[in-house]
Amino acid sequence: MSKIRVQSLDELECRPGEVHTARLPLATLPDGTEICMPLIVGEGHQPGPTLLLTALIHGIEIGGYDVINRLMHEELDFRKVRGRVLAIPVVNPFALGASSRFTPQDSADLNRVFPGSAVGTLSQRVAHTLVDVFVKEADYVIDFHSCNPPSCVFTIVDDAANANVQHVSLGMAKAFGAITVTPAGHTPGTFSGYLSEIGKPVITPELVFSRRFDPDSSEAGVVGVKNVMKYLCMLDGEPVPLPNAIPFGERLLYTSCFANTGGFIYFRKYVGDSVEKGEVFATVHNVFGEKIDEMVSPVSGLIIAYPMAGNQAVTTGDKVAYFASAQVERR
């Protein structure tokens, strides 16, 4: 297994059935320390498509790293793979080093600056490197993120693509096997949104837990990727049910709900529970224990996450819950 410094994928000499590692320079720190993007390449024994796996665009969402590590070094026998897997276990090493969602040098969310710029801020340059070096080589992309518990594994499929690309992306999500949602509103600058716009099929699995590895979530990620590779004819066999996950049904709408007032929050409904539009799913209490607000569901559907990063308490405007609902709820 090689581990070399490269400027492009052309510098790697990967023979069929082999796995190689390399580092791609990104930037230098004030003391001259060079920071690189790690790369793992698995070359299949037969021709086929190129699948790009990415993780840690946000520096606290480490679950995808575990999935990639297991796939590339333990689970996949590249003598039985058709095509190639490009895996980037840490897209944003700056945010990882700071244990932050954001790139500390420019306080930017890397997942809001795509496609980036070769002459812009640090985050823009990282995004540009990912696009310029890796995306152009990929036929399909799986971009791993993580959601704080309580939550379930779910997959996001962007709706910015044309009908053909959306069809393939949805097929990948169905093969992955988890409940699948499309955001209710457009968020500019996301990696998946950019990929969809340029015609690259992509799915974004949201694993469970930031900052820690969750064994059940990692297993779901490993099985899900292998399912997608079967769908893409990179592996033999048929997709298998995803363990420890709400299964794929149809593409649903992904809606967030925010707190109207601050306080301690008590959940009346739990992840995986059904709710009706207008139904109370949580209550907010002040420091004296008095109930000061009831939070009601904006849609009829399922609760898929309570993505709070800190205590079970909220400030006005905090994101409290994610819902999956039928597309007819879309406004």
Protein backbone atom coordinates (compact mmCIF):
# COMPACT_ATOMS: atom_id res chain seq x y z
CA MET A 1 0.00 0.00 0.00
CA SER A 2 1.56 3.30 -1.09
CA LYS A 3 1.21 6.63 0.76
CA ILE A 4 2.54 9.44 -1.37
CA ARG A 5 2.07 13.14 -1.92
CA VAL A 6 0.29 13.87 -5.20
CA GLN A 7 -1.12 16.86 -7.04
CA SER A 8 -3.50 14.84 -9.21
CA LEU A 9 -4.93 11.34 -9.58
CA ASP A 10 -2.79 10.84 -12.69
CA GLU A 11 0.26 10.48 -10.46
CA LEU A 12 -1.13 7.32 -8.85
CA GLU A 13 -0.34 3.99 -10.43
CA CYS A 14 -3.05 1.61 -9.22
CA ARG A 15 -3.09 -1.91 -10.52
CA PRO A 16 -6.36 -3.86 -10.66
CA GLY A 17 -7.39 -5.26 -7.30
CA GLU A 18 -5.18 -2.91 -5.27
CA VAL A 19 -5.83 -0.18 -2.71
CA HIS A 20 -3.53 2.84 -2.46
CA THR A 21 -3.40 5.86 -0.19
CA ALA A 22 -2.07 9.33 -0.90
CA ARG A 23 -2.14 12.92 0.33
CA LEU A 24 -3.16 15.92 -1.74
CA PRO A 25 -1.79 19.31 -0.55
CA LEU A 26 -4.45 21.87 0.36
CA ALA A 27 -2.77 24.79 2.16
CA THR A 28 -0.05 25.81 4.58
CA LEU A 29 -0.45 27.19 8.10
CA PRO A 30 1.39 30.31 9.36
CA ASP A 31 4.27 28.16 10.66
CA GLY A 32 4.68 26.51 7.26
CA THR A 33 2.94 23.25 8.17
CA GLU A 34 1.40 21.71 5.07
CA ILE A 35 -2.18 20.44 5.42
CA CYS A 36 -3.31 17.73 3.02
CA MET A 37 -6.51 16.00 1.98
CA PRO A 38 -6.21 12.22 2.44
CA LEU A 39 -7.19 9.95 -0.43
CA ILE A 40 -7.83 6.21 -0.66
CA VAL A 41 -8.18 4.65 -4.11
CA GLY A 42 -9.46 1.13 -4.72
CA GLU A 43 -9.04 -0.14 -8.27
CA GLY A 44 -11.42 -2.87 -9.34
CA HIS A 45 -10.32 -5.93 -11.28
CA GLN A 46 -12.71 -5.16 -14.13
CA PRO A 47 -13.77 -1.95 -15.90
CA GLY A 48 -16.75 -0.05 -14.49
CA PRO A 49 -17.88 3.31 -13.11
CA THR A 50 -16.06 5.49 -10.60
CA LEU A 51 -17.78 6.00 -7.24
CA LEU A 52 -16.65 8.90 -5.03
CA LEU A 53 -17.12 8.56 -1.26
CA THR A 54 -16.66 11.66 0.91
CA ALA A 55 -16.85 12.39 4.63
CA LEU A 56 -16.08 15.15 7.12
CA ILE A 57 -17.05 18.17 5.07
CA HIS A 58 -18.12 19.22 8.57
CA GLY A 59 -15.37 18.60 11.11
CA ILE A 60 -17.56 17.04 13.80
CA GLU A 61 -19.36 14.53 11.57
CA ILE A 62 -16.91 11.65 11.84
CA GLY A 63 -19.26 8.72 11.15
CA GLY A 64 -18.51 8.68 7.43
CA TYR A 65 -14.80 8.28 8.17
CA ASP A 66 -15.54 5.03 9.99
CA VAL A 67 -17.68 3.77 7.11
CA ILE A 68 -15.00 4.61 4.53
CA ASN A 69 -12.23 3.06 6.64
CA ARG A 70 -14.14 -0.20 7.01
CA LEU A 71 -15.12 -0.36 3.34
CA MET A 72 -11.71 0.38 1.87
CA HIS A 73 -9.62 -1.71 4.25
CA GLU A 74 -11.91 -4.51 5.45
CA GLU A 75 -15.17 -4.97 3.59
CA LEU A 76 -14.39 -4.57 -0.11
CA ASP A 77 -12.32 -7.10 -2.01
CA PHE A 78 -11.29 -5.08 -5.05
CA ARG A 79 -10.45 -8.26 -6.94
CA LYS A 80 -14.24 -8.64 -7.13
CA VAL A 81 -15.11 -5.00 -7.87
CA ARG A 82 -15.96 -3.53 -11.26
CA GLY A 83 -14.77 0.04 -11.59
CA ARG A 84 -13.00 2.27 -9.10
CA VAL A 85 -13.73 3.77 -5.68
CA LEU A 86 -12.25 7.15 -4.77
CA ALA A 87 -12.61 7.75 -1.04
CA ILE A 88 -11.84 10.96 0.85
CA PRO A 89 -12.25 10.18 4.56
CA VAL A 90 -11.52 13.78 5.64
CA VAL A 91 -12.55 16.50 3.20
CA ASN A 92 -12.03 19.34 5.69
CA PRO A 93 -8.99 18.62 7.91
CA PHE A 94 -9.06 22.19 9.23
CA ALA A 95 -12.54 21.78 10.73
CA LEU A 96 -11.63 18.29 12.02
CA GLY A 97 -8.59 19.68 13.81
CA ALA A 98 -10.75 22.31 15.51
CA SER A 99 -13.58 19.83 16.29
CA SER A 100 -15.89 22.27 14.56
CA ARG A 101 -18.61 22.19 11.93
CA PHE A 102 -16.95 25.22 10.37
CA THR A 103 -13.53 25.92 8.88
CA PRO A 104 -11.88 27.87 11.74
CA GLN A 105 -9.65 30.04 9.54
CA ASP A 106 -12.58 31.75 7.77
CA SER A 107 -15.56 30.69 9.94
CA ALA A 108 -17.27 29.29 6.84
CA ASP A 109 -19.49 26.27 6.44
CA LEU A 110 -17.71 24.33 3.68
CA ASN A 111 -21.07 22.90 2.60
CA ARG A 112 -22.27 26.38 1.62
CA VAL A 113 -19.47 27.48 -0.72
CA PHE A 114 -19.49 24.96 -3.60
CA PRO A 115 -18.15 24.91 -6.27
CA GLY A 116 -15.58 27.09 -4.54
CA SER A 117 -12.74 29.08 -6.07
CA ALA A 118 -9.04 28.49 -6.75
CA VAL A 119 -8.26 32.05 -5.59
CA GLY A 120 -10.82 32.53 -2.81
CA THR A 121 -10.97 31.90 0.93
CA LEU A 122 -9.60 28.71 2.46
CA SER A 123 -13.03 27.02 2.44
CA GLN A 124 -13.57 28.04 -1.17
CA ARG A 125 -10.19 26.57 -2.11
CA VAL A 126 -10.95 23.28 -0.36
CA ALA A 127 -14.27 23.08 -2.22
CA HIS A 128 -12.52 23.87 -5.50
CA THR A 129 -9.92 21.14 -4.92
CA LEU A 130 -12.62 18.58 -4.25
CA VAL A 131 -14.43 19.57 -7.43
CA ASP A 132 -11.42 20.07 -9.68
CA VAL A 133 -9.47 16.95 -8.71
CA PHE A 134 -12.09 14.40 -7.73
CA VAL A 135 -15.60 15.28 -8.89
CA LYS A 136 -14.56 15.43 -12.53
CA GLU A 137 -13.36 11.80 -12.23
CA ALA A 138 -16.54 10.52 -10.56
CA ASP A 139 -19.64 9.05 -12.15
CA TYR A 140 -21.55 8.78 -8.85
CA VAL A 141 -21.10 10.31 -5.38
CA ILE A 142 -22.03 9.34 -1.82
CA ASP A 143 -21.39 12.21 0.62
CA PHE A 144 -21.65 11.18 4.28
CA HIS A 145 -22.88 13.50 7.00
CA SER A 146 -24.07 12.94 10.58
CA CYS A 147 -26.96 14.10 12.72
CA ASN A 148 -26.93 14.34 16.50
CA PRO A 149 -29.10 11.83 18.36
CA PRO A 150 -31.86 11.16 18.98
CA SER A 151 -32.09 10.52 15.23
CA CYS A 152 -32.30 7.76 12.67
CA VAL A 153 -30.21 7.04 9.59
CA PHE A 154 -31.79 8.83 6.64
CA THR A 155 -30.74 9.77 3.11
CA ILE A 156 -31.11 13.15 1.42
CA VAL A 157 -31.68 13.39 -2.35
CA ASP A 158 -31.44 16.87 -3.83
CA ASP A 159 -34.08 17.97 -6.34
CA ALA A 160 -31.93 20.39 -8.35
CA ALA A 161 -31.02 17.79 -10.98
CA ASN A 162 -32.77 16.99 -14.25
CA ALA A 163 -35.22 14.10 -14.36
CA ASN A 164 -32.66 11.52 -15.50
CA VAL A 165 -30.13 12.39 -12.79
CA GLN A 166 -32.84 12.47 -10.13
CA HIS A 167 -34.00 9.04 -11.27
CA VAL A 168 -30.51 7.58 -10.80
CA SER A 169 -29.97 9.37 -7.48
CA LEU A 170 -33.29 8.06 -6.21
CA GLY A 171 -32.31 4.58 -7.39
CA MET A 172 -29.09 4.87 -5.38
CA ALA A 173 -31.06 5.99 -2.32
CA LYS A 174 -33.51 3.13 -2.70
CA ALA A 175 -30.62 0.67 -2.94
CA PHE A 176 -28.89 2.25 0.08
CA GLY A 177 -32.04 1.33 1.95
CA ALA A 178 -32.83 4.09 4.45
CA ILE A 179 -35.82 6.44 4.63
CA THR A 180 -35.18 9.13 1.99
CA VAL A 181 -36.08 12.80 1.97
CA THR A 182 -35.77 15.90 -0.22
CA PRO A 183 -35.32 19.28 1.53
CA ALA A 184 -38.38 21.52 1.58
CA GLY A 185 -36.30 24.58 0.70
CA HIS A 186 -33.23 25.30 -1.43
CA THR A 187 -29.90 25.86 0.34
CA PRO A 188 -27.29 27.46 -1.94
CA GLY A 189 -23.69 26.26 -2.08
CA THR A 190 -24.14 22.65 -0.96
CA PHE A 191 -21.99 19.88 -2.38
CA SER A 192 -24.99 17.75 -3.31
CA GLY A 193 -26.77 20.70 -4.89
CA TYR A 194 -23.74 21.51 -7.04
CA LEU A 195 -23.36 17.87 -8.09
CA SER A 196 -27.02 17.69 -9.04
CA GLU A 197 -26.75 20.88 -11.10
CA ILE A 198 -23.81 19.54 -13.13
CA GLY A 199 -25.48 16.17 -13.71
CA LYS A 200 -23.73 13.90 -11.18
CA PRO A 201 -26.03 11.46 -9.35
CA VAL A 202 -25.49 11.87 -5.60
CA ILE A 203 -26.97 10.81 -2.28
CA THR A 204 -26.27 12.22 1.17
CA PRO A 205 -26.70 9.66 3.96
CA GLU A 206 -27.09 11.21 7.41
CA LEU A 207 -25.62 8.83 9.97
CA VAL A 208 -26.35 8.96 13.70
CA PHE A 209 -24.10 10.89 16.07
CA SER A 210 -21.57 13.66 15.58
CA ARG A 211 -18.20 13.51 17.35
CA ARG A 212 -18.53 9.78 18.17
CA PHE A 213 -18.68 6.53 16.23
CA ASP A 214 -22.00 4.73 16.47
CA PRO A 215 -21.57 1.00 15.66
CA ASP A 216 -25.14 0.48 14.41
CA SER A 217 -24.94 3.59 12.22
CA SER A 218 -21.55 2.58 10.82
CA GLU A 219 -22.85 -0.86 9.95
CA ALA A 220 -25.81 0.69 8.17
CA GLY A 221 -23.42 2.91 6.21
CA VAL A 222 -21.22 -0.02 5.16
CA VAL A 223 -24.17 -2.14 4.08
CA GLY A 224 -25.76 0.85 2.33
CA VAL A 225 -22.68 1.61 0.22
CA LYS A 226 -22.34 -2.03 -0.79
CA ASN A 227 -26.03 -1.99 -1.74
CA VAL A 228 -25.43 1.05 -3.94
CA MET A 229 -22.44 -0.64 -5.56
CA LYS A 230 -24.67 -3.61 -6.38
CA TYR A 231 -27.24 -1.26 -7.90
CA LEU A 232 -24.48 0.31 -10.02
CA CYS A 233 -23.24 -3.18 -11.07
CA MET A 234 -19.91 -2.61 -9.33
CA LEU A 235 -20.56 -5.65 -7.13
CA ASP A 236 -22.47 -8.85 -7.78
CA GLY A 237 -25.67 -9.60 -5.89
CA GLU A 238 -28.82 -7.81 -4.85
CA PRO A 239 -29.22 -5.09 -2.19
CA VAL A 240 -30.06 -6.39 1.29
CA PRO A 241 -32.22 -4.73 3.97
CA LEU A 242 -30.43 -2.04 5.91
CA PRO A 243 -29.90 -2.98 9.58
CA ASN A 244 -31.08 -0.69 12.36
CA ALA A 245 -32.85 1.76 10.06
CA ILE A 246 -36.28 2.89 8.94
CA PRO A 247 -36.48 1.34 5.44
CA PHE A 248 -36.87 3.21 2.18
CA GLY A 249 -40.50 3.64 1.14
CA GLU A 250 -40.92 6.61 -1.19
CA ARG A 251 -39.11 9.91 -1.41
CA LEU A 252 -40.49 12.17 1.32
CA LEU A 253 -40.26 15.85 2.09
CA TYR A 254 -37.66 17.01 4.63
CA THR A 255 -38.92 19.79 6.91
CA SER A 256 -37.28 21.48 9.89
CA CYS A 257 -38.96 23.01 12.93
CA PHE A 258 -37.44 25.80 15.03
CA ALA A 259 -38.02 26.94 18.61
CA ASN A 260 -40.14 30.05 19.13
CA THR A 261 -38.90 30.58 22.67
CA GLY A 262 -36.01 29.46 24.83
CA GLY A 263 -36.09 26.97 27.69
CA PHE A 264 -35.76 23.31 28.56
CA ILE A 265 -37.46 20.98 26.10
CA TYR A 266 -39.38 17.76 26.77
CA PHE A 267 -40.25 15.46 23.90
CA ARG A 268 -43.81 14.14 23.67
CA LYS A 269 -42.97 12.16 20.54
CA TYR A 270 -39.85 10.18 19.70
CA VAL A 271 -37.78 9.45 16.61
CA GLY A 272 -39.73 7.17 14.28
CA ASP A 273 -43.11 8.24 15.71
CA SER A 274 -45.88 9.44 13.43
CA VAL A 275 -47.34 12.91 13.95
CA GLU A 276 -50.26 14.84 12.51
CA LYS A 277 -49.97 18.41 11.32
CA GLY A 278 -50.65 20.67 14.30
CA GLU A 279 -50.01 17.90 16.86
CA VAL A 280 -47.87 18.76 19.89
CA PHE A 281 -44.55 16.91 19.74
CA ALA A 282 -42.61 18.76 22.45
CA THR A 283 -43.07 21.27 25.27
CA VAL A 284 -40.73 24.05 26.41
CA HIS A 285 -40.33 24.92 30.11
CA ASN A 286 -38.71 27.89 31.81
CA VAL A 287 -36.11 27.75 34.59
CA PHE A 288 -38.90 27.50 37.20
CA GLY A 289 -40.33 24.38 35.55
CA GLU A 290 -43.39 26.13 34.13
CA LYS A 291 -44.56 25.14 30.65
CA ILE A 292 -44.24 28.20 28.42
CA ASP A 293 -44.72 26.78 24.92
CA GLU A 294 -46.02 23.80 23.01
CA MET A 295 -44.24 22.90 19.78
CA VAL A 296 -46.53 21.58 17.05
CA SER A 297 -45.65 19.63 13.94
CA PRO A 298 -45.72 21.67 10.70
CA VAL A 299 -46.61 18.55 8.67
CA SER A 300 -48.16 15.09 8.93
CA GLY A 301 -45.40 12.49 8.78
CA LEU A 302 -42.56 10.95 10.79
CA ILE A 303 -40.08 12.48 13.19
CA ILE A 304 -36.60 11.50 11.93
CA ALA A 305 -34.33 13.54 14.23
CA TYR A 306 -34.02 15.94 17.14
CA PRO A 307 -30.71 17.45 15.95
CA MET A 308 -29.68 19.44 19.01
CA ALA A 309 -25.92 19.71 19.51
CA GLY A 310 -25.86 20.61 23.19
CA ASN A 311 -28.13 20.28 26.22
CA GLN A 312 -31.82 19.35 25.99
CA ALA A 313 -32.55 23.06 26.01
CA VAL A 314 -33.14 25.63 23.28
CA THR A 315 -32.74 29.30 22.45
CA THR A 316 -35.26 31.10 20.29
CA GLY A 317 -34.58 30.10 16.69
CA ASP A 318 -32.78 26.83 17.45
CA LYS A 319 -33.44 23.92 15.15
CA VAL A 320 -35.38 21.32 17.15
CA ALA A 321 -36.75 18.60 14.85
CA TYR A 322 -36.66 17.12 11.37
CA PHE A 323 -39.80 15.63 9.82
CA ALA A 324 -40.34 13.38 6.80
CA SER A 325 -43.72 13.85 5.12
CA ALA A 326 -45.47 13.08 1.86
CA GLN A 327 -44.54 15.31 -1.09
CA VAL A 328 -48.06 16.77 -1.12
CA GLU A 329 -47.07 18.77 1.95
CA ARG A 330 -44.58 20.75 -0.12
CA ARG A 331 -45.30 24.49 -0.28
